[in-house]
Amino acid sequence: GADVSTVVSTMTGTAGMDPTLMERLEAEREEITKVKNIPSIQFGRWDIEAWYYSPFPDMFSGHRLYICEYTLKYFLRASTLLKHKQEC
């Protein structure tokens, strides 16, 4: 059978990539994801403190995220969420 690294590289599309490039890309990803970018989330009636980095667009960095508990759409402002909830 194939070893784990061969299976992972095949599944992630990294088979045949230069190992040093892969290491640099992984180091860059680790550096970017060290800092949590979303401080908190409002999901329905729950206020949730974020613990880790979240891959949301940069415009959401540093802001509270408002998520519709029915459609899982996310918004930058509570007023936009409220308008969405009237229509969803």
N, C-alpha and C. Protein backbone atom coordinates (compact mmCIF):
# COMPACT_ATOMS: atom_id res chain seq x y z
N GLY A 1 0.81 -1.18 0.00
CA GLY A 1 0.00 0.00 0.00
C GLY A 1 0.86 1.25 0.00
N ALA A 2 0.24 2.35 -0.33
CA ALA A 2 0.91 3.65 -0.38
C ALA A 2 1.10 4.20 1.02
N ASP A 3 2.19 4.95 1.23
CA ASP A 3 2.37 5.58 2.53
C ASP A 3 1.47 6.80 2.64
N VAL A 4 1.28 7.28 3.87
CA VAL A 4 0.34 8.37 4.15
C VAL A 4 0.69 9.63 3.36
N SER A 5 1.97 10.01 3.29
CA SER A 5 2.35 11.25 2.60
C SER A 5 2.01 11.18 1.11
N THR A 6 2.11 9.99 0.50
CA THR A 6 1.75 9.83 -0.91
C THR A 6 0.25 10.02 -1.09
N VAL A 7 -0.54 9.45 -0.21
CA VAL A 7 -2.00 9.58 -0.29
C VAL A 7 -2.41 11.03 -0.09
N VAL A 8 -1.84 11.70 0.91
CA VAL A 8 -2.18 13.09 1.18
C VAL A 8 -1.80 13.98 0.01
N SER A 9 -0.60 13.80 -0.54
CA SER A 9 -0.17 14.65 -1.65
C SER A 9 -1.02 14.41 -2.89
N THR A 10 -1.50 13.20 -3.08
CA THR A 10 -2.38 12.92 -4.20
C THR A 10 -3.75 13.58 -3.98
N MET A 11 -4.27 13.49 -2.76
CA MET A 11 -5.59 14.06 -2.46
C MET A 11 -5.58 15.58 -2.50
N THR A 12 -4.48 16.21 -2.11
CA THR A 12 -4.42 17.67 -2.05
C THR A 12 -3.88 18.29 -3.33
N GLY A 13 -3.51 17.47 -4.29
CA GLY A 13 -3.00 18.01 -5.55
C GLY A 13 -1.57 18.49 -5.46
N THR A 14 -0.82 18.04 -4.46
CA THR A 14 0.56 18.48 -4.31
C THR A 14 1.55 17.43 -4.79
N ALA A 15 1.05 16.34 -5.37
CA ALA A 15 1.95 15.30 -5.88
C ALA A 15 2.84 15.89 -6.96
N GLY A 16 4.13 15.64 -6.86
CA GLY A 16 5.08 16.13 -7.85
C GLY A 16 5.58 17.53 -7.58
N MET A 17 5.09 18.20 -6.54
CA MET A 17 5.57 19.55 -6.20
C MET A 17 6.92 19.46 -5.52
N ASP A 18 7.71 20.49 -5.69
CA ASP A 18 9.00 20.61 -5.03
C ASP A 18 8.79 20.62 -3.51
N PRO A 19 9.42 19.70 -2.79
CA PRO A 19 9.22 19.65 -1.33
C PRO A 19 9.58 20.96 -0.62
N THR A 20 10.60 21.68 -1.09
CA THR A 20 10.95 22.95 -0.45
C THR A 20 9.88 23.99 -0.69
N LEU A 21 9.24 23.97 -1.86
CA LEU A 21 8.13 24.87 -2.13
C LEU A 21 6.97 24.56 -1.20
N MET A 22 6.68 23.28 -1.03
CA MET A 22 5.61 22.88 -0.13
C MET A 22 5.90 23.34 1.30
N GLU A 23 7.15 23.23 1.73
CA GLU A 23 7.52 23.67 3.08
C GLU A 23 7.34 25.17 3.23
N ARG A 24 7.74 25.94 2.21
CA ARG A 24 7.58 27.40 2.25
C ARG A 24 6.11 27.79 2.29
N LEU A 25 5.30 27.11 1.46
CA LEU A 25 3.87 27.40 1.45
C LEU A 25 3.23 27.07 2.79
N GLU A 26 3.61 25.96 3.37
CA GLU A 26 3.08 25.58 4.68
C GLU A 26 3.50 26.57 5.75
N ALA A 27 4.75 27.02 5.71
CA ALA A 27 5.23 28.02 6.68
C ALA A 27 4.47 29.33 6.52
N GLU A 28 4.20 29.73 5.29
CA GLU A 28 3.42 30.95 5.03
C GLU A 28 2.00 30.81 5.56
N ARG A 29 1.38 29.64 5.33
CA ARG A 29 0.02 29.40 5.83
C ARG A 29 0.00 29.45 7.36
N GLU A 30 0.99 28.85 7.99
CA GLU A 30 1.05 28.86 9.46
C GLU A 30 1.19 30.28 9.99
N GLU A 31 2.01 31.11 9.33
CA GLU A 31 2.21 32.49 9.77
C GLU A 31 0.91 33.28 9.66
N ILE A 32 0.21 33.12 8.56
CA ILE A 32 -1.05 33.84 8.33
C ILE A 32 -2.11 33.43 9.34
N THR A 33 -2.16 32.15 9.66
CA THR A 33 -3.24 31.64 10.52
C THR A 33 -2.91 31.70 12.01
N LYS A 34 -1.76 32.27 12.39
CA LYS A 34 -1.43 32.41 13.81
C LYS A 34 -2.36 33.37 14.52
N VAL A 35 -2.81 34.38 13.82
CA VAL A 35 -3.59 35.45 14.42
C VAL A 35 -5.07 35.25 14.10
N LYS A 36 -5.91 35.26 15.14
CA LYS A 36 -7.34 35.16 14.86
C LYS A 36 -7.78 36.49 14.26
N ASN A 37 -8.54 36.43 13.20
CA ASN A 37 -8.93 37.63 12.47
C ASN A 37 -10.37 38.04 12.74
N ILE A 38 -11.18 37.17 13.28
CA ILE A 38 -12.57 37.46 13.63
C ILE A 38 -12.67 37.36 15.15
N PRO A 39 -12.86 38.49 15.85
CA PRO A 39 -12.88 38.43 17.31
C PRO A 39 -14.10 37.71 17.90
N SER A 40 -15.27 37.92 17.27
CA SER A 40 -16.48 37.29 17.81
C SER A 40 -17.52 37.12 16.71
N ILE A 41 -18.48 36.25 17.02
CA ILE A 41 -19.54 35.90 16.08
C ILE A 41 -20.87 35.97 16.80
N GLN A 42 -21.85 36.56 16.17
CA GLN A 42 -23.22 36.47 16.68
C GLN A 42 -23.94 35.48 15.80
N PHE A 43 -24.39 34.40 16.41
CA PHE A 43 -25.09 33.33 15.69
C PHE A 43 -26.43 33.12 16.39
N GLY A 44 -27.48 33.68 15.79
CA GLY A 44 -28.78 33.64 16.46
C GLY A 44 -28.71 34.43 17.75
N ARG A 45 -29.12 33.83 18.86
CA ARG A 45 -29.08 34.53 20.15
C ARG A 45 -27.77 34.33 20.89
N TRP A 46 -26.82 33.63 20.27
CA TRP A 46 -25.55 33.34 20.92
C TRP A 46 -24.45 34.28 20.44
N ASP A 47 -23.68 34.76 21.41
CA ASP A 47 -22.46 35.52 21.13
C ASP A 47 -21.29 34.57 21.38
N ILE A 48 -20.49 34.37 20.37
CA ILE A 48 -19.41 33.38 20.43
C ILE A 48 -18.07 34.08 20.25
N GLU A 49 -17.15 33.84 21.17
CA GLU A 49 -15.79 34.36 21.02
C GLU A 49 -15.03 33.41 20.09
N ALA A 50 -14.43 33.96 19.06
CA ALA A 50 -13.64 33.14 18.14
C ALA A 50 -12.29 32.83 18.79
N TRP A 51 -11.81 31.62 18.58
CA TRP A 51 -10.54 31.21 19.17
C TRP A 51 -9.41 31.16 18.15
N TYR A 52 -9.76 30.94 16.89
CA TYR A 52 -8.75 30.67 15.88
C TYR A 52 -8.95 31.54 14.65
N TYR A 53 -8.00 31.51 13.77
CA TYR A 53 -8.08 32.16 12.47
C TYR A 53 -9.26 31.58 11.69
N SER A 54 -9.96 32.43 10.96
CA SER A 54 -11.09 32.01 10.13
C SER A 54 -10.87 32.51 8.70
N PRO A 55 -11.04 31.66 7.71
CA PRO A 55 -10.75 32.06 6.33
C PRO A 55 -11.87 32.86 5.67
N PHE A 56 -12.22 33.99 6.27
CA PHE A 56 -13.21 34.89 5.69
C PHE A 56 -12.49 35.97 4.90
N PRO A 57 -13.17 36.64 3.97
CA PRO A 57 -12.54 37.74 3.21
C PRO A 57 -11.95 38.80 4.14
N ASP A 58 -10.89 39.46 3.67
CA ASP A 58 -10.17 40.45 4.48
C ASP A 58 -11.06 41.55 5.03
N MET A 59 -12.12 41.90 4.30
CA MET A 59 -12.99 42.99 4.77
C MET A 59 -13.66 42.67 6.11
N PHE A 60 -13.69 41.40 6.51
CA PHE A 60 -14.29 41.00 7.78
C PHE A 60 -13.28 40.97 8.93
N SER A 61 -11.98 41.07 8.62
CA SER A 61 -10.94 40.99 9.64
C SER A 61 -11.10 42.09 10.68
N GLY A 62 -11.03 41.70 11.94
CA GLY A 62 -11.11 42.64 13.04
C GLY A 62 -12.53 43.04 13.41
N HIS A 63 -13.52 42.50 12.73
CA HIS A 63 -14.91 42.86 13.00
C HIS A 63 -15.70 41.66 13.51
N ARG A 64 -16.75 41.95 14.23
CA ARG A 64 -17.69 40.92 14.65
C ARG A 64 -18.42 40.42 13.41
N LEU A 65 -18.66 39.14 13.35
CA LEU A 65 -19.35 38.52 12.23
C LEU A 65 -20.77 38.18 12.67
N TYR A 66 -21.74 38.49 11.83
CA TYR A 66 -23.15 38.18 12.11
C TYR A 66 -23.58 37.09 11.14
N ILE A 67 -24.03 35.97 11.67
CA ILE A 67 -24.38 34.81 10.84
C ILE A 67 -25.85 34.47 11.03
N CYS A 68 -26.56 34.30 9.92
CA CYS A 68 -27.96 33.88 9.95
C CYS A 68 -28.00 32.39 10.32
N GLU A 69 -28.75 32.07 11.36
CA GLU A 69 -28.81 30.68 11.81
C GLU A 69 -29.63 29.78 10.89
N TYR A 70 -30.32 30.37 9.93
CA TYR A 70 -31.14 29.57 9.01
C TYR A 70 -30.43 29.31 7.68
N THR A 71 -29.74 30.32 7.16
CA THR A 71 -29.10 30.17 5.84
C THR A 71 -27.58 30.08 5.94
N LEU A 72 -27.02 30.41 7.10
CA LEU A 72 -25.58 30.46 7.34
C LEU A 72 -24.86 31.53 6.52
N LYS A 73 -25.62 32.49 5.98
CA LYS A 73 -25.00 33.64 5.33
C LYS A 73 -24.39 34.51 6.41
N TYR A 74 -23.27 35.15 6.09
CA TYR A 74 -22.59 35.99 7.08
C TYR A 74 -22.56 37.44 6.63
N PHE A 75 -22.57 38.33 7.63
CA PHE A 75 -22.70 39.76 7.37
C PHE A 75 -21.74 40.54 8.27
N LEU A 76 -21.40 41.74 7.83
CA LEU A 76 -20.52 42.62 8.58
C LEU A 76 -21.29 43.47 9.60
N ARG A 77 -22.57 43.70 9.34
CA ARG A 77 -23.37 44.55 10.23
C ARG A 77 -24.64 43.83 10.69
N ALA A 78 -25.04 44.13 11.91
CA ALA A 78 -26.26 43.55 12.47
C ALA A 78 -27.48 44.01 11.67
N SER A 79 -27.46 45.26 11.21
CA SER A 79 -28.60 45.78 10.44
C SER A 79 -28.79 45.02 9.12
N THR A 80 -27.69 44.61 8.51
CA THR A 80 -27.79 43.84 7.27
C THR A 80 -28.35 42.45 7.56
N LEU A 81 -27.94 41.87 8.68
CA LEU A 81 -28.49 40.57 9.08
C LEU A 81 -29.99 40.69 9.32
N LEU A 82 -30.41 41.74 10.03
CA LEU A 82 -31.83 41.91 10.32
C LEU A 82 -32.65 42.05 9.02
N LYS A 83 -32.14 42.81 8.08
CA LYS A 83 -32.82 42.95 6.79
C LYS A 83 -32.90 41.59 6.08
N HIS A 84 -31.82 40.84 6.10
CA HIS A 84 -31.79 39.51 5.50
C HIS A 84 -32.83 38.59 6.15
N LYS A 85 -32.93 38.65 7.48
CA LYS A 85 -33.84 37.77 8.21
C LYS A 85 -35.31 38.06 7.87
N GLN A 86 -35.62 39.27 7.46
CA GLN A 86 -36.98 39.60 7.05
C GLN A 86 -37.32 38.95 5.72
N GLU A 87 -36.29 38.64 4.93
CA GLU A 87 -36.51 38.09 3.60
C GLU A 87 -36.26 36.59 3.50
N CYS A 88 -35.54 36.01 4.46
CA CYS A 88 -35.18 34.59 4.32
C CYS A 88 -36.23 33.65 4.90
